Amino acid sequence: MHQAIPYSYKTYFPTTIGLSHDTSTTTTTTTSVADATNVGKLVSENAVIVFGRRGCCMCHVVKRLLQGLGVNPTVSEVDDQDEAAVINQLLRIIGVDQESGGQDGSSVKFPVVFVGGKLFGGLERVMATHISGELVPILKEAGALWL
């Protein structure tokens, strides 16, 4: 009987030595409470960055859509215990008062996509601009696509 390979979000390719991870497709970082203060630095240093919960299927959809277009997004997976700290940092970046973050409908919901250092939106905005044909020019302008 064949032995099953455990599921992982990374792709595995057989080699002569064993199994190796394919890390060339995307950069995935895990944000912790200590790194929550570096959220602004991550946003400013990357042309496209996706913040999502660890294991979130919608984050995976956004990542795969961007990869299909030729973008290599940085994906920051946020643990459940660090979610509040990261959301506060994201609200600070986009200029929303933390106290009114949930009352006026401007609260942050994962996945959150930043393009060119500015809040782009979530899954709905990424899909809508892709379907309308506006996503590729936006990504080119941000420097995420060259062709």
C-alpha atoms as a PDB file:
ATOM      1  CA  MET A   1       0.000   0.000   0.000  1.00  0.00           C
ATOM      2  CA  HIS A   2       1.187   3.550  -0.674  1.00  0.00           C
ATOM      3  CA  GLN A   3       2.097   5.876   2.139  1.00  0.00           C
ATOM      4  CA  ALA A   4       0.152   9.153   2.177  1.00  0.00           C
ATOM      5  CA  ILE A   5       2.004  12.447   2.245  1.00  0.00           C
ATOM      6  CA  PRO A   6       0.682  14.762   4.998  1.00  0.00           C
ATOM      7  CA  TYR A   7      -1.210  17.823   3.773  1.00  0.00           C
ATOM      8  CA  SER A   8       0.614  21.138   3.802  1.00  0.00           C
ATOM      9  CA  TYR A   9      -0.040  24.471   2.130  1.00  0.00           C
ATOM     10  CA  LYS A  10       3.392  24.262   0.487  1.00  0.00           C
ATOM     11  CA  THR A  11       4.039  22.224  -2.632  1.00  0.00           C
ATOM     12  CA  TYR A  12       6.350  19.248  -2.384  1.00  0.00           C
ATOM     13  CA  PHE A  13       8.511  17.972  -5.217  1.00  0.00           C
ATOM     14  CA  PRO A  14      10.262  14.595  -5.034  1.00  0.00           C
ATOM     15  CA  THR A  15      14.045  14.722  -5.267  1.00  0.00           C
ATOM     16  CA  THR A  16      16.711  12.054  -5.214  1.00  0.00           C
ATOM     17  CA  ILE A  17      17.404  12.838  -1.545  1.00  0.00           C
ATOM     18  CA  GLY A  18      13.793  12.957  -0.365  1.00  0.00           C
ATOM     19  CA  LEU A  19      11.114  15.604  -0.335  1.00  0.00           C
ATOM     20  CA  SER A  20      11.878  19.280  -0.663  1.00  0.00           C
ATOM     21  CA  HIS A  21       9.747  22.370  -0.171  1.00  0.00           C
ATOM     22  CA  ASP A  22       9.086  24.691  -3.099  1.00  0.00           C
ATOM     23  CA  THR A  23       9.526  28.097  -1.492  1.00  0.00           C
ATOM     24  CA  SER A  24      10.045  30.012  -4.724  1.00  0.00           C
ATOM     25  CA  THR A  25       6.344  30.685  -5.343  1.00  0.00           C
ATOM     26  CA  THR A  26       5.556  32.945  -2.417  1.00  0.00           C
ATOM     27  CA  THR A  27       6.952  34.403   0.739  1.00  0.00           C
ATOM     28  CA  THR A  28       4.966  33.441   3.826  1.00  0.00           C
ATOM     29  CA  THR A  29       5.653  35.050   7.158  1.00  0.00           C
ATOM     30  CA  THR A  30       3.973  34.417  10.462  1.00  0.00           C
ATOM     31  CA  THR A  31       3.183  37.507  12.479  1.00  0.00           C
ATOM     32  CA  SER A  32       3.411  37.269  16.254  1.00  0.00           C
ATOM     33  CA  VAL A  33       2.709  39.815  18.990  1.00  0.00           C
ATOM     34  CA  ALA A  34       6.376  40.830  18.979  1.00  0.00           C
ATOM     35  CA  ASP A  35       6.174  41.401  15.215  1.00  0.00           C
ATOM     36  CA  ALA A  36       2.826  43.219  15.342  1.00  0.00           C
ATOM     37  CA  THR A  37       4.694  46.521  15.572  1.00  0.00           C
ATOM     38  CA  ASN A  38       6.458  45.667  12.303  1.00  0.00           C
ATOM     39  CA  VAL A  39       3.216  45.518  10.303  1.00  0.00           C
ATOM     40  CA  GLY A  40       3.801  49.012   8.937  1.00  0.00           C
ATOM     41  CA  LYS A  41       7.290  48.044   7.852  1.00  0.00           C
ATOM     42  CA  LEU A  42       5.950  44.952   6.056  1.00  0.00           C
ATOM     43  CA  VAL A  43       3.343  47.049   4.242  1.00  0.00           C
ATOM     44  CA  SER A  44       5.825  49.690   3.132  1.00  0.00           C
ATOM     45  CA  GLU A  45       8.519  47.220   1.997  1.00  0.00           C
ATOM     46  CA  ASN A  46       6.339  44.991  -0.208  1.00  0.00           C
ATOM     47  CA  ALA A  47       4.554  45.865  -3.447  1.00  0.00           C
ATOM     48  CA  VAL A  48       1.756  43.420  -2.585  1.00  0.00           C
ATOM     49  CA  ILE A  49       1.125  41.926   0.847  1.00  0.00           C
ATOM     50  CA  VAL A  50      -1.789  39.807   2.016  1.00  0.00           C
ATOM     51  CA  PHE A  51      -2.681  39.554   5.706  1.00  0.00           C
ATOM     52  CA  GLY A  52      -4.857  36.605   6.643  1.00  0.00           C
ATOM     53  CA  ARG A  53      -5.630  34.176   9.414  1.00  0.00           C
ATOM     54  CA  ARG A  54      -3.547  31.018   9.547  1.00  0.00           C
ATOM     55  CA  GLY A  55      -5.239  28.419   7.356  1.00  0.00           C
ATOM     56  CA  CYS A  56      -7.839  30.830   5.936  1.00  0.00           C
ATOM     57  CA  CYS A  57      -9.209  29.554   2.626  1.00  0.00           C
ATOM     58  CA  MET A  58     -10.060  33.068   1.388  1.00  0.00           C
ATOM     59  CA  CYS A  59      -6.453  34.129   1.950  1.00  0.00           C
ATOM     60  CA  HIS A  60      -5.427  31.138  -0.140  1.00  0.00           C
ATOM     61  CA  VAL A  61      -7.823  32.213  -2.926  1.00  0.00           C
ATOM     62  CA  VAL A  62      -6.372  35.738  -3.007  1.00  0.00           C
ATOM     63  CA  LYS A  63      -2.820  34.398  -3.003  1.00  0.00           C
ATOM     64  CA  ARG A  64      -3.507  31.950  -5.846  1.00  0.00           C
ATOM     65  CA  LEU A  65      -5.274  34.612  -7.941  1.00  0.00           C
ATOM     66  CA  LEU A  66      -2.335  36.996  -7.588  1.00  0.00           C
ATOM     67  CA  GLN A  67       0.145  34.210  -8.349  1.00  0.00           C
ATOM     68  CA  GLY A  68      -1.866  33.312 -11.452  1.00  0.00           C
ATOM     69  CA  LEU A  69      -1.403  36.876 -12.668  1.00  0.00           C
ATOM     70  CA  GLY A  70       2.367  36.657 -12.123  1.00  0.00           C
ATOM     71  CA  VAL A  71       2.572  38.499  -8.810  1.00  0.00           C
ATOM     72  CA  ASN A  72       4.614  37.044  -5.958  1.00  0.00           C
ATOM     73  CA  PRO A  73       2.706  38.377  -2.932  1.00  0.00           C
ATOM     74  CA  THR A  74       4.064  38.317   0.577  1.00  0.00           C
ATOM     75  CA  VAL A  75       1.540  36.516   2.773  1.00  0.00           C
ATOM     76  CA  SER A  76       1.486  37.214   6.488  1.00  0.00           C
ATOM     77  CA  GLU A  77      -0.431  34.571   8.418  1.00  0.00           C
ATOM     78  CA  VAL A  78      -1.789  35.890  11.694  1.00  0.00           C
ATOM     79  CA  ASP A  79      -2.337  33.586  14.665  1.00  0.00           C
ATOM     80  CA  ASP A  80      -5.628  33.808  16.564  1.00  0.00           C
ATOM     81  CA  GLN A  81      -4.008  35.187  19.727  1.00  0.00           C
ATOM     82  CA  ASP A  82      -2.227  37.946  17.739  1.00  0.00           C
ATOM     83  CA  GLU A  83      -5.220  38.987  15.664  1.00  0.00           C
ATOM     84  CA  ALA A  84      -6.279  41.964  17.814  1.00  0.00           C
ATOM     85  CA  ALA A  85      -2.780  43.469  17.888  1.00  0.00           C
ATOM     86  CA  VAL A  86      -2.360  43.114  14.119  1.00  0.00           C
ATOM     87  CA  ILE A  87      -5.804  44.587  13.438  1.00  0.00           C
ATOM     88  CA  ASN A  88      -4.949  47.597  15.624  1.00  0.00           C
ATOM     89  CA  GLN A  89      -1.725  48.110  13.649  1.00  0.00           C
ATOM     90  CA  LEU A  90      -3.590  47.808  10.331  1.00  0.00           C
ATOM     91  CA  LEU A  91      -6.196  50.323  11.498  1.00  0.00           C
ATOM     92  CA  ARG A  92      -3.387  52.688  12.492  1.00  0.00           C
ATOM     93  CA  ILE A  93      -1.811  52.309   9.037  1.00  0.00           C
ATOM     94  CA  ILE A  94      -5.020  53.104   7.166  1.00  0.00           C
ATOM     95  CA  GLY A  95      -5.782  55.993   9.506  1.00  0.00           C
ATOM     96  CA  VAL A  96      -8.905  54.710  11.246  1.00  0.00           C
ATOM     97  CA  ASP A  97      -9.452  55.468  14.920  1.00  0.00           C
ATOM     98  CA  GLN A  98      -9.244  52.172  16.848  1.00  0.00           C
ATOM     99  CA  GLU A  99     -12.226  53.010  19.077  1.00  0.00           C
ATOM    100  CA  SER A 100     -14.547  53.610  16.115  1.00  0.00           C
ATOM    101  CA  GLY A 101     -13.091  50.740  14.066  1.00  0.00           C
ATOM    102  CA  GLY A 102     -16.193  48.574  14.362  1.00  0.00           C
ATOM    103  CA  GLN A 103     -18.925  51.222  14.563  1.00  0.00           C
ATOM    104  CA  ASP A 104     -18.591  52.981  11.218  1.00  0.00           C
ATOM    105  CA  GLY A 105     -18.155  49.826   9.107  1.00  0.00           C
ATOM    106  CA  SER A 106     -14.446  50.387   8.523  1.00  0.00           C
ATOM    107  CA  SER A 107     -13.218  47.485  10.630  1.00  0.00           C
ATOM    108  CA  VAL A 108     -10.547  45.255   9.137  1.00  0.00           C
ATOM    109  CA  LYS A 109     -11.613  41.795   8.008  1.00  0.00           C
ATOM    110  CA  PHE A 110      -9.176  39.172   6.801  1.00  0.00           C
ATOM    111  CA  PRO A 111      -7.842  38.719   4.191  1.00  0.00           C
ATOM    112  CA  VAL A 112      -6.529  42.269   3.856  1.00  0.00           C
ATOM    113  CA  VAL A 113      -4.571  43.192   0.730  1.00  0.00           C
ATOM    114  CA  PHE A 114      -2.174  46.134   0.495  1.00  0.00           C
ATOM    115  CA  VAL A 115      -0.921  47.167  -2.947  1.00  0.00           C
ATOM    116  CA  GLY A 116       1.823  49.751  -3.218  1.00  0.00           C
ATOM    117  CA  GLY A 117       1.712  50.490   0.506  1.00  0.00           C
ATOM    118  CA  LYS A 118      -1.985  51.422   0.428  1.00  0.00           C
ATOM    119  CA  LEU A 119      -5.015  49.450   1.540  1.00  0.00           C
ATOM    120  CA  PHE A 120      -6.506  47.809  -1.535  1.00  0.00           C
ATOM    121  CA  GLY A 121      -9.278  45.836   0.125  1.00  0.00           C
ATOM    122  CA  GLY A 122     -10.287  42.271   0.728  1.00  0.00           C
ATOM    123  CA  LEU A 123     -11.268  39.314  -1.389  1.00  0.00           C
ATOM    124  CA  GLU A 124     -14.337  41.059  -2.837  1.00  0.00           C
ATOM    125  CA  ARG A 125     -12.339  44.047  -4.095  1.00  0.00           C
ATOM    126  CA  VAL A 126      -9.578  41.869  -5.555  1.00  0.00           C
ATOM    127  CA  MET A 127     -12.105  39.674  -7.389  1.00  0.00           C
ATOM    128  CA  ALA A 128     -14.181  42.642  -8.635  1.00  0.00           C
ATOM    129  CA  THR A 129     -11.176  44.492 -10.044  1.00  0.00           C
ATOM    130  CA  HIS A 130      -9.864  41.276 -11.610  1.00  0.00           C
ATOM    131  CA  ILE A 131     -13.188  40.576 -13.327  1.00  0.00           C
ATOM    132  CA  SER A 132     -13.477  44.177 -14.572  1.00  0.00           C
ATOM    133  CA  GLY A 133      -9.904  44.096 -15.918  1.00  0.00           C
ATOM    134  CA  GLU A 134      -8.625  46.858 -13.621  1.00  0.00           C
ATOM    135  CA  LEU A 135      -6.399  44.698 -11.401  1.00  0.00           C
ATOM    136  CA  VAL A 136      -3.455  44.186 -13.772  1.00  0.00           C
ATOM    137  CA  PRO A 137      -2.929  47.942 -14.445  1.00  0.00           C
ATOM    138  CA  ILE A 138      -3.090  48.635 -10.684  1.00  0.00           C
ATOM    139  CA  LEU A 139      -0.486  45.941 -10.018  1.00  0.00           C
ATOM    140  CA  LYS A 140       1.741  47.301 -12.801  1.00  0.00           C
ATOM    141  CA  GLU A 141       1.521  50.801 -11.352  1.00  0.00           C
ATOM    142  CA  ALA A 142       2.513  49.484  -7.921  1.00  0.00           C
ATOM    143  CA  GLY A 143       5.548  47.701  -9.377  1.00  0.00           C
ATOM    144  CA  ALA A 144       4.287  44.192  -8.696  1.00  0.00           C
ATOM    145  CA  LEU A 145       4.108  43.311 -12.416  1.00  0.00           C
ATOM    146  CA  TRP A 146       6.642  44.249 -15.069  1.00  0.00           C
ATOM    147  CA  LEU A 147       5.022  42.986 -18.260  1.00  0.00           C
END
